[in-house]
Structure formats: structure tokens, C-alpha cells
PDB file of N, CA and C in Angstrom:
ATOM      1  N   MET A   1       0.901  -1.008  -0.006  1.00  0.00           N
ATOM      2  CA  MET A   1       0.115  -0.308  -0.203  1.00  0.00           C
ATOM      3  C   MET A   1       0.774   1.238  -0.120  1.00  0.00           C
ATOM      4  N   GLY A   2       0.230   2.086  -0.687  1.00  0.00           N
ATOM      5  CA  GLY A   2       0.979   3.591  -0.095  1.00  0.00           C
ATOM      6  C   GLY A   2       1.472   3.814   1.009  1.00  0.00           C
ATOM      7  N   GLU A   3       2.654   4.918   0.991  1.00  0.00           N
ATOM      8  CA  GLU A   3       2.819   5.435   2.315  1.00  0.00           C
ATOM      9  C   GLU A   3       3.159   6.717   2.317  1.00  0.00           C
ATOM     10  N   ILE A   4       3.102   7.910   3.141  1.00  0.00           N
ATOM     11  CA  ILE A   4       3.513   8.780   3.360  1.00  0.00           C
ATOM     12  C   ILE A   4       5.174   9.169   3.960  1.00  0.00           C
ATOM     13  N   VAL A   5       5.906   9.553   3.123  1.00  0.00           N
ATOM     14  CA  VAL A   5       7.395   9.778   3.437  1.00  0.00           C
ATOM     15  C   VAL A   5       7.387  11.155   3.063  1.00  0.00           C
ATOM     16  N   ASN A   6       8.679  11.453   3.803  1.00  0.00           N
ATOM     17  CA  ASN A   6       9.304  12.782   3.539  1.00  0.00           C
ATOM     18  C   ASN A   6      10.594  12.637   3.029  1.00  0.00           C
ATOM     19  N   LEU A   7      10.577  12.680   1.637  1.00  0.00           N
ATOM     20  CA  LEU A   7      11.943  12.684   0.902  1.00  0.00           C
ATOM     21  C   LEU A   7      12.609  14.106   0.727  1.00  0.00           C
ATOM     22  N   TYR A   8      11.941  14.981   1.232  1.00  0.00           N
ATOM     23  CA  TYR A   8      12.808  16.331   1.278  1.00  0.00           C
ATOM     24  C   TYR A   8      12.378  16.828   2.407  1.00  0.00           C
ATOM     25  N   PRO A   9      13.483  16.497   3.639  1.00  0.00           N
ATOM     26  CA  PRO A   9      13.312  16.670   5.176  1.00  0.00           C
ATOM     27  C   PRO A   9      13.563  18.366   5.398  1.00  0.00           C
ATOM     28  N   GLU A  10      13.766  19.258   4.040  1.00  0.00           N
ATOM     29  CA  GLU A  10      13.730  20.627   4.319  1.00  0.00           C
ATOM     30  C   GLU A  10      12.240  20.976   3.702  1.00  0.00           C
ATOM     31  N   LYS A  11      11.446  20.404   3.305  1.00  0.00           N
ATOM     32  CA  LYS A  11       9.887  20.785   2.858  1.00  0.00           C
ATOM     33  C   LYS A  11       8.951  20.251   3.736  1.00  0.00           C
ATOM     34  N   ALA A  12       7.969  21.379   3.927  1.00  0.00           N
ATOM     35  CA  ALA A  12       7.148  20.663   5.260  1.00  0.00           C
ATOM     36  C   ALA A  12       6.213  20.072   4.125  1.00  0.00           C
ATOM     37  N   ASP A  13       6.185  19.745   3.290  1.00  0.00           N
ATOM     38  CA  ASP A  13       5.060  19.028   2.137  1.00  0.00           C
ATOM     39  C   ASP A  13       5.722  17.355   2.333  1.00  0.00           C
ATOM     40  N   PRO A  14       5.005  16.649   2.660  1.00  0.00           N
ATOM     41  CA  PRO A  14       5.392  15.012   2.682  1.00  0.00           C
ATOM     42  C   PRO A  14       5.243  14.631   1.526  1.00  0.00           C
ATOM     43  N   HIS A  15       5.212  13.170   1.220  1.00  0.00           N
ATOM     44  CA  HIS A  15       5.000  12.620  -0.499  1.00  0.00           C
ATOM     45  C   HIS A  15       4.242  11.714  -0.125  1.00  0.00           C
ATOM     46  N   PHE A  16       3.452  11.513  -1.283  1.00  0.00           N
ATOM     47  CA  PHE A  16       2.968  10.085  -1.039  1.00  0.00           C
ATOM     48  C   PHE A  16       3.385   8.979  -2.081  1.00  0.00           C
ATOM     49  N   VAL A  17       4.150   7.849  -1.543  1.00  0.00           N
ATOM     50  CA  VAL A  17       4.882   6.986  -2.563  1.00  0.00           C
ATOM     51  C   VAL A  17       3.514   6.125  -3.562  1.00  0.00           C
ATOM     52  N   ILE A  18       3.803   6.266  -4.484  1.00  0.00           N
ATOM     53  CA  ILE A  18       2.862   5.112  -5.423  1.00  0.00           C
ATOM     54  C   ILE A  18       3.246   4.420  -6.438  1.00  0.00           C
ATOM     55  N   MET A  19       3.009   2.776  -5.830  1.00  0.00           N
ATOM     56  CA  MET A  19       3.254   1.752  -7.253  1.00  0.00           C
ATOM     57  C   MET A  19       2.541   1.499  -7.931  1.00  0.00           C
ATOM     58  N   ALA A  20       2.972   2.200  -8.874  1.00  0.00           N
ATOM     59  CA  ALA A  20       2.057   2.437 -10.481  1.00  0.00           C
ATOM     60  C   ALA A  20       2.379   1.529 -11.450  1.00  0.00           C
ATOM     61  N   ALA A  21       1.714   0.896 -12.339  1.00  0.00           N
ATOM     62  CA  ALA A  21       2.098   0.195 -13.905  1.00  0.00           C
ATOM     63  C   ALA A  21       3.660   0.882 -14.171  1.00  0.00           C
ATOM     64  N   ASP A  22       4.118   1.790 -14.038  1.00  0.00           N
ATOM     65  CA  ASP A  22       5.537   2.228 -14.642  1.00  0.00           C
ATOM     66  C   ASP A  22       6.312   2.138 -14.071  1.00  0.00           C
ATOM     67  N   GLY A  23       6.506   2.558 -12.706  1.00  0.00           N
ATOM     68  CA  GLY A  23       7.251   2.476 -11.739  1.00  0.00           C
ATOM     69  C   GLY A  23       6.770   2.949 -10.288  1.00  0.00           C
ATOM     70  N   VAL A  24       7.752   3.998  -9.721  1.00  0.00           N
ATOM     71  CA  VAL A  24       7.325   4.371  -8.270  1.00  0.00           C
ATOM     72  C   VAL A  24       6.973   5.976  -8.741  1.00  0.00           C
ATOM     73  N   HIS A  25       6.189   6.317  -8.222  1.00  0.00           N
ATOM     74  CA  HIS A  25       5.698   8.103  -8.214  1.00  0.00           C
ATOM     75  C   HIS A  25       5.808   8.531  -6.859  1.00  0.00           C
ATOM     76  N   ALA A  26       6.565   9.668  -6.593  1.00  0.00           N
ATOM     77  CA  ALA A  26       6.523  10.320  -5.507  1.00  0.00           C
ATOM     78  C   ALA A  26       5.499  11.599  -5.525  1.00  0.00           C
ATOM     79  N   ILE A  27       3.979  11.447  -5.139  1.00  0.00           N
ATOM     80  CA  ILE A  27       3.208  12.928  -5.320  1.00  0.00           C
ATOM     81  C   ILE A  27       3.176  13.702  -4.129  1.00  0.00           C
ATOM     82  N   PRO A  28       3.496  14.752  -4.217  1.00  0.00           N
ATOM     83  CA  PRO A  28       3.396  15.772  -2.673  1.00  0.00           C
ATOM     84  C   PRO A  28       1.918  15.584  -2.434  1.00  0.00           C
ATOM     85  N   ALA A  29       1.525  15.322  -0.631  1.00  0.00           N
ATOM     86  CA  ALA A  29       0.801  15.617  -0.425  1.00  0.00           C
ATOM     87  C   ALA A  29      -0.456  16.281  -0.596  1.00  0.00           C
ATOM     88  N   SER A  30       0.519  17.616  -0.996  1.00  0.00           N
ATOM     89  CA  SER A  30      -0.152  18.763  -0.979  1.00  0.00           C
ATOM     90  C   SER A  30      -0.906  19.142  -2.359  1.00  0.00           C
ATOM     91  N   VAL A  31      -0.723  18.241  -3.567  1.00  0.00           N
ATOM     92  CA  VAL A  31      -1.401  18.282  -4.719  1.00  0.00           C
ATOM     93  C   VAL A  31      -2.567  17.230  -4.300  1.00  0.00           C
ATOM     94  N   PHE A  32      -2.798  16.468  -3.351  1.00  0.00           N
ATOM     95  CA  PHE A  32      -3.962  15.648  -3.499  1.00  0.00           C
ATOM     96  C   PHE A  32      -4.722  16.387  -2.379  1.00  0.00           C
ATOM     97  N   ARG A  33      -4.189  17.496  -1.643  1.00  0.00           N
ATOM     98  CA  ARG A  33      -5.074  18.375  -0.819  1.00  0.00           C
ATOM     99  C   ARG A  33      -5.830  19.152  -1.757  1.00  0.00           C
ATOM    100  N   ARG A  34      -5.410  19.538  -2.853  1.00  0.00           N
ATOM    101  CA  ARG A  34      -5.733  20.522  -3.790  1.00  0.00           C
ATOM    102  C   ARG A  34      -6.805  19.925  -4.498  1.00  0.00           C
ATOM    103  N   VAL A  35      -6.928  18.658  -5.040  1.00  0.00           N
ATOM    104  CA  VAL A  35      -7.970  17.906  -5.295  1.00  0.00           C
ATOM    105  C   VAL A  35      -9.187  17.722  -4.436  1.00  0.00           C
ATOM    106  N   ILE A  36      -8.593  17.265  -3.407  1.00  0.00           N
ATOM    107  CA  ILE A  36     -10.010  17.152  -2.293  1.00  0.00           C
ATOM    108  C   ILE A  36     -10.628  18.485  -2.430  1.00  0.00           C
ATOM    109  N   ASP A  37     -10.058  19.593  -2.033  1.00  0.00           N
ATOM    110  CA  ASP A  37     -10.523  20.848  -1.786  1.00  0.00           C
ATOM    111  C   ASP A  37     -11.259  21.479  -3.229  1.00  0.00           C
ATOM    112  N   GLY A  38     -10.966  20.602  -3.750  1.00  0.00           N
ATOM    113  CA  GLY A  38     -11.866  21.483  -5.345  1.00  0.00           C
ATOM    114  C   GLY A  38     -10.722  22.132  -6.137  1.00  0.00           C
ATOM    115  N   ASP A  39      -9.255  22.509  -5.823  1.00  0.00           N
ATOM    116  CA  ASP A  39      -8.559  23.556  -6.235  1.00  0.00           C
ATOM    117  C   ASP A  39      -7.762  23.068  -7.727  1.00  0.00           C
ATOM    118  N   MET A  40      -8.236  21.682  -7.929  1.00  0.00           N
ATOM    119  CA  MET A  40      -7.413  21.033  -9.090  1.00  0.00           C
ATOM    120  C   MET A  40      -8.237  20.011  -9.610  1.00  0.00           C
ATOM    121  N   SER A  41      -8.290  19.833 -10.520  1.00  0.00           N
ATOM    122  CA  SER A  41      -9.027  18.264 -10.966  1.00  0.00           C
ATOM    123  C   SER A  41      -8.026  17.048 -10.891  1.00  0.00           C
ATOM    124  N   PHE A  42      -8.428  15.800 -10.648  1.00  0.00           N
ATOM    125  CA  PHE A  42      -7.259  14.804 -10.714  1.00  0.00           C
ATOM    126  C   PHE A  42      -6.576  14.452 -11.961  1.00  0.00           C
ATOM    127  N   VAL A  43      -7.534  14.872 -13.017  1.00  0.00           N
ATOM    128  CA  VAL A  43      -6.706  14.716 -14.509  1.00  0.00           C
ATOM    129  C   VAL A  43      -5.456  15.763 -14.690  1.00  0.00           C
ATOM    130  N   GLU A  44      -5.468  16.768 -14.171  1.00  0.00           N
ATOM    131  CA  GLU A  44      -4.273  17.476 -14.142  1.00  0.00           C
ATOM    132  C   GLU A  44      -3.069  17.086 -13.661  1.00  0.00           C
ATOM    133  N   ILE A  45      -3.153  16.263 -12.694  1.00  0.00           N
ATOM    134  CA  ILE A  45      -1.847  15.341 -12.130  1.00  0.00           C
ATOM    135  C   ILE A  45      -1.351  14.880 -13.502  1.00  0.00           C
ATOM    136  N   ASP A  46       0.074  14.993 -13.516  1.00  0.00           N
ATOM    137  CA  ASP A  46       0.941  14.370 -14.529  1.00  0.00           C
ATOM    138  C   ASP A  46       0.660  13.056 -14.582  1.00  0.00           C
ATOM    139  N   GLN A  47       0.736  12.397 -15.572  1.00  0.00           N
ATOM    140  CA  GLN A  47       0.755  10.280 -15.712  1.00  0.00           C
ATOM    141  C   GLN A  47      -1.071  10.398 -14.778  1.00  0.00           C
ATOM    142  N   TRP A  48      -1.914  10.988 -14.853  1.00  0.00           N
ATOM    143  CA  TRP A  48      -3.006  10.642 -13.411  1.00  0.00           C
ATOM    144  C   TRP A  48      -3.606   9.250 -14.143  1.00  0.00           C
ATOM    145  N   GLU A  49      -3.708   8.972 -15.463  1.00  0.00           N
ATOM    146  CA  GLU A  49      -4.164   7.370 -15.564  1.00  0.00           C
ATOM    147  C   GLU A  49      -3.279   6.434 -15.415  1.00  0.00           C
ATOM    148  N   LEU A  50      -2.059   6.613 -15.333  1.00  0.00           N
ATOM    149  CA  LEU A  50      -1.240   5.464 -14.695  1.00  0.00           C
ATOM    150  C   LEU A  50      -1.391   5.455 -13.008  1.00  0.00           C
ATOM    151  N   LEU A  51      -1.714   6.864 -12.276  1.00  0.00           N
ATOM    152  CA  LEU A  51      -1.722   6.511 -10.923  1.00  0.00           C
ATOM    153  C   LEU A  51      -3.170   6.227 -10.343  1.00  0.00           C
ATOM    154  N   LEU A  52      -4.313   6.412 -10.856  1.00  0.00           N
ATOM    155  CA  LEU A  52      -5.411   6.135 -10.255  1.00  0.00           C
ATOM    156  C   LEU A  52      -6.067   4.508 -10.302  1.00  0.00           C
ATOM    157  N   PRO A  53      -5.382   3.813 -11.247  1.00  0.00           N
ATOM    158  CA  PRO A  53      -5.711   2.454 -10.694  1.00  0.00           C
ATOM    159  C   PRO A  53      -5.055   2.153  -9.317  1.00  0.00           C
ATOM    160  N   ALA A  54      -3.461   2.280  -8.985  1.00  0.00           N
ATOM    161  CA  ALA A  54      -2.854   2.077  -8.022  1.00  0.00           C
ATOM    162  C   ALA A  54      -3.285   2.736  -6.771  1.00  0.00           C
ATOM    163  N   ILE A  55      -4.087   3.864  -6.987  1.00  0.00           N
ATOM    164  CA  ILE A  55      -4.470   4.979  -6.024  1.00  0.00           C
ATOM    165  C   ILE A  55      -5.970   4.161  -5.365  1.00  0.00           C
ATOM    166  N   ILE A  56      -7.089   3.593  -6.319  1.00  0.00           N
ATOM    167  CA  ILE A  56      -8.157   2.816  -6.182  1.00  0.00           C
ATOM    168  C   ILE A  56      -7.831   1.607  -5.429  1.00  0.00           C
ATOM    169  N   LYS A  57      -6.770   0.738  -6.144  1.00  0.00           N
ATOM    170  CA  LYS A  57      -6.089  -0.561  -5.253  1.00  0.00           C
ATOM    171  C   LYS A  57      -6.035  -0.810  -4.172  1.00  0.00           C
ATOM    172  N   ASP A  58      -5.322   0.594  -3.572  1.00  0.00           N
ATOM    173  CA  ASP A  58      -4.719   0.797  -2.380  1.00  0.00           C
ATOM    174  C   ASP A  58      -6.037   1.162  -1.787  1.00  0.00           C
ATOM    175  N   TRP A  59      -6.858   2.164  -1.878  1.00  0.00           N
ATOM    176  CA  TRP A  59      -8.136   2.365  -1.163  1.00  0.00           C
ATOM    177  C   TRP A  59      -8.929   1.161  -0.860  1.00  0.00           C
ATOM    178  N   MET A  60      -9.389   0.395  -1.556  1.00  0.00           N
ATOM    179  CA  MET A  60     -10.108  -0.482  -1.682  1.00  0.00           C
ATOM    180  C   MET A  60      -9.066  -1.176  -0.500  1.00  0.00           C
ATOM    181  N   ARG A  61      -8.166  -1.417  -0.438  1.00  0.00           N
ATOM    182  CA  ARG A  61      -7.241  -2.561   0.412  1.00  0.00           C
ATOM    183  C   ARG A  61      -7.571  -2.200   1.672  1.00  0.00           C
ATOM    184  N   PHE A  62      -7.598  -0.695   1.828  1.00  0.00           N
ATOM    185  CA  PHE A  62      -7.660  -0.261   3.205  1.00  0.00           C
ATOM    186  C   PHE A  62      -8.966  -0.293   3.327  1.00  0.00           C
ATOM    187  N   LYS A  63     -10.021  -0.337   2.546  1.00  0.00           N
ATOM    188  CA  LYS A  63     -11.316  -0.013   3.042  1.00  0.00           C
ATOM    189  C   LYS A  63     -11.838  -1.757   3.581  1.00  0.00           C
ATOM    190  N   MET A  64     -11.325  -2.683   2.775  1.00  0.00           N
ATOM    191  CA  MET A  64     -11.394  -4.195   2.952  1.00  0.00           C
ATOM    192  C   MET A  64     -10.760  -4.774   4.352  1.00  0.00           C
ATOM    193  N   GLY A  65     -10.028  -3.647   5.129  1.00  0.00           N
ATOM    194  CA  GLY A  65      -9.374  -4.161   6.232  1.00  0.00           C
ATOM    195  C   GLY A  65      -7.827  -4.897   5.887  1.00  0.00           C
ATOM    196  N   GLU A  66      -7.626  -5.068   4.791  1.00  0.00           N
ATOM    197  CA  GLU A  66      -5.891  -5.638   4.428  1.00  0.00           C
ATOM    198  C   GLU A  66      -4.951  -4.993   4.874  1.00  0.00           C
TER     199      GLU A  66
END
């Protein structure tokens, strides 16, 4: 499952590490916050079509208690 890691300690914005079909992506938590707040559309994220299946898969695992 994805995890929050702080890849850049000098910055206050942790990153989500997502294992997608094409490899590993580190997405700033602030990007997801902007999507949640409605300030940005998910499709504006670079390579969103590769990230979405991995995010949904992890979310479903979380919701199913795995």
C-alpha cells in the first residue's frame, strides 16, 4: 500500500509514494489536498491515468481491512 514519506526533509510537504504500472511515483501531499479541496482536477496530475488504478487498488485494500 502507498505510504507517506518525507523525501525532502527541508520541505514541510510530505509525499505519497505510489507503486504504479510504470514504476514508483512520489506525489506531494499538497497535490492531493488541492484535488480534495476542489482547487485542482485529478486529471491535471501528470500521468494520472497510471496513478488512478494504483490509488483505487490501495484504497480498496484499506477499506476491506487488508
